[in-house]
Amino acid sequence: MKNKAKALVLSAALLSSTANAIDLSGTIFDKAAKAYNLDPLLVYSVALAESASGRGNGSISPWPWTLRVPGLPFYAKSEDQA
């Protein structure tokens, strides 16, 4: 629950600012956004809200091997495990 709150706060900060703190050009978020005519920051924000994981250095980022299942999300360690 804390991760979701952090992700929502981060998302709000990213979407409300006039200058982007990160450049998503060329990332999977940029490619997915272009395919559906969306803002890459919106796609990144949803990824954070759905799969945010702490990196141990005080930062969070989307975790690529997260499965959203009823109850709690499952954070697999690898693609094979997912």
N, C-alpha and C. Protein backbone atom coordinates (compact mmCIF):
# COMPACT_ATOMS: atom_id res chain seq x y z
N MET A 1 0.82 -1.19 0.00
CA MET A 1 0.00 0.00 0.00
C MET A 1 0.87 1.26 0.00
N LYS A 2 1.99 1.21 0.73
CA LYS A 2 2.89 2.37 0.76
C LYS A 2 3.46 2.63 -0.63
N ASN A 3 3.77 1.55 -1.36
CA ASN A 3 4.33 1.72 -2.71
C ASN A 3 3.32 2.40 -3.63
N LYS A 4 2.04 2.03 -3.49
CA LYS A 4 1.01 2.65 -4.33
C LYS A 4 0.91 4.14 -4.01
N ALA A 5 0.96 4.47 -2.73
CA ALA A 5 0.87 5.87 -2.33
C ALA A 5 2.06 6.65 -2.88
N LYS A 6 3.25 6.07 -2.79
CA LYS A 6 4.44 6.73 -3.33
C LYS A 6 4.32 6.92 -4.84
N ALA A 7 3.81 5.88 -5.52
CA ALA A 7 3.66 5.96 -6.97
C ALA A 7 2.65 7.04 -7.36
N LEU A 8 1.57 7.15 -6.60
CA LEU A 8 0.57 8.17 -6.91
C LEU A 8 1.13 9.57 -6.69
N VAL A 9 1.89 9.75 -5.62
CA VAL A 9 2.50 11.05 -5.36
C VAL A 9 3.50 11.38 -6.47
N LEU A 10 4.31 10.41 -6.85
CA LEU A 10 5.28 10.62 -7.92
C LEU A 10 4.57 10.92 -9.24
N SER A 11 3.51 10.18 -9.52
CA SER A 11 2.75 10.41 -10.75
C SER A 11 2.18 11.82 -10.78
N ALA A 12 1.60 12.24 -9.68
CA ALA A 12 1.03 13.59 -9.61
C ALA A 12 2.11 14.64 -9.82
N ALA A 13 3.27 14.42 -9.23
CA ALA A 13 4.37 15.37 -9.38
C ALA A 13 4.84 15.43 -10.83
N LEU A 14 4.95 14.27 -11.47
CA LEU A 14 5.41 14.24 -12.85
C LEU A 14 4.42 14.90 -13.79
N LEU A 15 3.14 14.64 -13.58
CA LEU A 15 2.13 15.16 -14.48
C LEU A 15 1.82 16.64 -14.25
N SER A 16 2.11 17.15 -13.07
CA SER A 16 1.78 18.54 -12.79
C SER A 16 2.94 19.49 -13.07
N SER A 17 4.11 18.97 -13.29
CA SER A 17 5.26 19.84 -13.53
C SER A 17 5.32 20.25 -15.00
N THR A 18 5.99 21.34 -15.27
CA THR A 18 6.15 21.80 -16.64
C THR A 18 7.43 21.27 -17.27
N ALA A 19 8.36 20.83 -16.46
CA ALA A 19 9.62 20.27 -16.97
C ALA A 19 9.70 18.80 -16.55
N ASN A 20 10.02 17.95 -17.49
CA ASN A 20 10.13 16.53 -17.18
C ASN A 20 11.45 16.24 -16.49
N ALA A 21 11.38 15.48 -15.42
CA ALA A 21 12.58 15.11 -14.69
C ALA A 21 13.32 13.98 -15.39
N ILE A 22 12.61 13.22 -16.20
CA ILE A 22 13.23 12.11 -16.92
C ILE A 22 12.87 12.22 -18.40
N ASP A 23 13.74 11.70 -19.22
CA ASP A 23 13.50 11.67 -20.65
C ASP A 23 13.14 10.25 -21.03
N LEU A 24 11.92 10.04 -21.49
CA LEU A 24 11.46 8.70 -21.85
C LEU A 24 11.61 8.41 -23.33
N SER A 25 12.29 9.28 -24.07
CA SER A 25 12.49 9.08 -25.51
C SER A 25 13.18 7.75 -25.78
N GLY A 26 12.60 6.97 -26.68
CA GLY A 26 13.20 5.71 -27.08
C GLY A 26 12.97 4.55 -26.13
N THR A 27 12.29 4.79 -25.01
CA THR A 27 12.02 3.71 -24.06
C THR A 27 10.78 2.94 -24.47
N ILE A 28 10.54 1.82 -23.82
CA ILE A 28 9.33 1.04 -24.08
C ILE A 28 8.08 1.87 -23.77
N PHE A 29 8.18 2.77 -22.81
CA PHE A 29 7.05 3.63 -22.47
C PHE A 29 6.74 4.59 -23.62
N ASP A 30 7.78 5.10 -24.26
CA ASP A 30 7.63 5.99 -25.41
C ASP A 30 7.03 5.23 -26.59
N LYS A 31 7.52 4.03 -26.84
CA LYS A 31 7.03 3.22 -27.96
C LYS A 31 5.56 2.85 -27.77
N ALA A 32 5.21 2.42 -26.55
CA ALA A 32 3.82 2.06 -26.26
C ALA A 32 2.91 3.28 -26.36
N ALA A 33 3.36 4.41 -25.87
CA ALA A 33 2.57 5.63 -25.92
C ALA A 33 2.31 6.07 -27.36
N LYS A 34 3.33 6.01 -28.19
CA LYS A 34 3.17 6.40 -29.59
C LYS A 34 2.18 5.49 -30.31
N ALA A 35 2.19 4.21 -29.99
CA ALA A 35 1.30 3.26 -30.64
C ALA A 35 -0.17 3.58 -30.37
N TYR A 36 -0.45 4.21 -29.23
CA TYR A 36 -1.83 4.51 -28.85
C TYR A 36 -2.09 6.01 -28.69
N ASN A 37 -1.17 6.84 -29.21
CA ASN A 37 -1.30 8.29 -29.15
C ASN A 37 -1.50 8.80 -27.72
N LEU A 38 -0.65 8.33 -26.81
CA LEU A 38 -0.70 8.72 -25.40
C LEU A 38 0.58 9.44 -25.01
N ASP A 39 0.56 10.08 -23.89
CA ASP A 39 1.74 10.72 -23.32
C ASP A 39 2.61 9.64 -22.67
N PRO A 40 3.89 9.56 -23.00
CA PRO A 40 4.77 8.55 -22.38
C PRO A 40 4.80 8.63 -20.85
N LEU A 41 4.67 9.84 -20.30
CA LEU A 41 4.65 9.97 -18.84
C LEU A 41 3.42 9.32 -18.23
N LEU A 42 2.30 9.35 -18.95
CA LEU A 42 1.09 8.68 -18.47
C LEU A 42 1.31 7.17 -18.44
N VAL A 43 1.90 6.63 -19.50
CA VAL A 43 2.17 5.19 -19.56
C VAL A 43 3.13 4.79 -18.44
N TYR A 44 4.17 5.58 -18.24
CA TYR A 44 5.14 5.32 -17.17
C TYR A 44 4.46 5.39 -15.80
N SER A 45 3.59 6.38 -15.62
CA SER A 45 2.89 6.54 -14.34
C SER A 45 2.00 5.34 -14.03
N VAL A 46 1.30 4.83 -15.03
CA VAL A 46 0.47 3.64 -14.83
C VAL A 46 1.35 2.45 -14.50
N ALA A 47 2.48 2.32 -15.18
CA ALA A 47 3.41 1.23 -14.88
C ALA A 47 3.89 1.32 -13.43
N LEU A 48 4.18 2.52 -12.97
CA LEU A 48 4.59 2.70 -11.57
C LEU A 48 3.46 2.32 -10.62
N ALA A 49 2.25 2.77 -10.93
CA ALA A 49 1.12 2.48 -10.04
C ALA A 49 0.84 0.99 -9.96
N GLU A 50 1.06 0.27 -11.06
CA GLU A 50 0.73 -1.15 -11.10
C GLU A 50 1.88 -2.06 -10.67
N SER A 51 3.12 -1.61 -10.80
CA SER A 51 4.22 -2.54 -10.54
C SER A 51 5.42 -1.92 -9.83
N ALA A 52 5.23 -0.81 -9.14
CA ALA A 52 6.35 -0.14 -8.48
C ALA A 52 7.07 -1.06 -7.51
N SER A 53 8.37 -1.00 -7.56
CA SER A 53 9.20 -1.83 -6.68
C SER A 53 10.39 -0.99 -6.23
N GLY A 54 10.71 -1.09 -4.95
CA GLY A 54 11.87 -0.39 -4.42
C GLY A 54 13.16 -1.01 -4.93
N ARG A 55 14.14 -0.19 -5.17
CA ARG A 55 15.43 -0.66 -5.70
C ARG A 55 16.50 -0.74 -4.62
N GLY A 56 16.15 -0.41 -3.38
CA GLY A 56 17.12 -0.50 -2.30
C GLY A 56 18.00 0.72 -2.15
N ASN A 57 17.83 1.70 -3.02
CA ASN A 57 18.63 2.92 -2.93
C ASN A 57 17.74 4.15 -2.72
N GLY A 58 16.52 3.92 -2.29
CA GLY A 58 15.59 5.01 -2.04
C GLY A 58 14.74 5.39 -3.23
N SER A 59 14.93 4.72 -4.36
CA SER A 59 14.13 5.04 -5.54
C SER A 59 13.17 3.88 -5.86
N ILE A 60 12.15 4.19 -6.64
CA ILE A 60 11.23 3.16 -7.10
C ILE A 60 11.17 3.22 -8.62
N SER A 61 10.82 2.11 -9.23
CA SER A 61 10.63 2.07 -10.67
C SER A 61 9.72 0.90 -10.99
N PRO A 62 9.14 0.88 -12.19
CA PRO A 62 8.31 -0.26 -12.57
C PRO A 62 9.14 -1.54 -12.59
N TRP A 63 8.55 -2.64 -12.13
CA TRP A 63 9.22 -3.94 -12.15
C TRP A 63 8.64 -4.74 -13.31
N PRO A 64 9.46 -5.16 -14.27
CA PRO A 64 8.93 -5.78 -15.49
C PRO A 64 8.27 -7.13 -15.30
N TRP A 65 8.53 -7.81 -14.22
CA TRP A 65 8.00 -9.16 -14.04
C TRP A 65 6.92 -9.20 -12.96
N THR A 66 6.10 -8.17 -12.88
CA THR A 66 5.02 -8.11 -11.90
C THR A 66 3.75 -8.69 -12.51
N LEU A 67 3.10 -9.57 -11.76
CA LEU A 67 1.81 -10.11 -12.16
C LEU A 67 0.76 -9.57 -11.20
N ARG A 68 -0.25 -8.90 -11.72
CA ARG A 68 -1.34 -8.39 -10.90
C ARG A 68 -2.41 -9.47 -10.85
N VAL A 69 -2.54 -10.09 -9.71
CA VAL A 69 -3.53 -11.15 -9.50
C VAL A 69 -4.43 -10.73 -8.35
N PRO A 70 -5.61 -11.36 -8.22
CA PRO A 70 -6.47 -11.01 -7.09
C PRO A 70 -5.70 -11.11 -5.77
N GLY A 71 -5.87 -10.11 -4.96
CA GLY A 71 -5.13 -10.07 -3.70
C GLY A 71 -3.94 -9.16 -3.84
N LEU A 72 -2.77 -9.74 -3.77
CA LEU A 72 -1.53 -8.96 -3.83
C LEU A 72 -0.80 -9.19 -5.15
N PRO A 73 0.00 -8.22 -5.57
CA PRO A 73 0.80 -8.44 -6.77
C PRO A 73 1.92 -9.45 -6.49
N PHE A 74 2.33 -10.15 -7.53
CA PHE A 74 3.44 -11.11 -7.43
C PHE A 74 4.62 -10.51 -8.18
N TYR A 75 5.73 -10.32 -7.48
CA TYR A 75 6.95 -9.77 -8.07
C TYR A 75 7.92 -10.92 -8.35
N ALA A 76 7.89 -11.43 -9.58
CA ALA A 76 8.79 -12.51 -9.96
C ALA A 76 10.22 -11.96 -10.09
N LYS A 77 11.19 -12.84 -9.88
CA LYS A 77 12.59 -12.43 -9.97
C LYS A 77 13.09 -12.41 -11.41
N SER A 78 12.39 -13.11 -12.31
CA SER A 78 12.83 -13.18 -13.70
C SER A 78 11.62 -13.40 -14.61
N GLU A 79 11.85 -13.26 -15.91
CA GLU A 79 10.79 -13.52 -16.88
C GLU A 79 10.35 -14.97 -16.81
N ASP A 80 11.30 -15.88 -16.65
CA ASP A 80 10.96 -17.30 -16.56
C ASP A 80 10.08 -17.60 -15.35
N GLN A 81 10.38 -16.98 -14.22
CA GLN A 81 9.58 -17.19 -13.02
C GLN A 81 8.18 -16.61 -13.18
N ALA A 82 8.08 -15.51 -13.91
CA ALA A 82 6.76 -14.89 -14.14
C ALA A 82 5.92 -15.77 -15.03
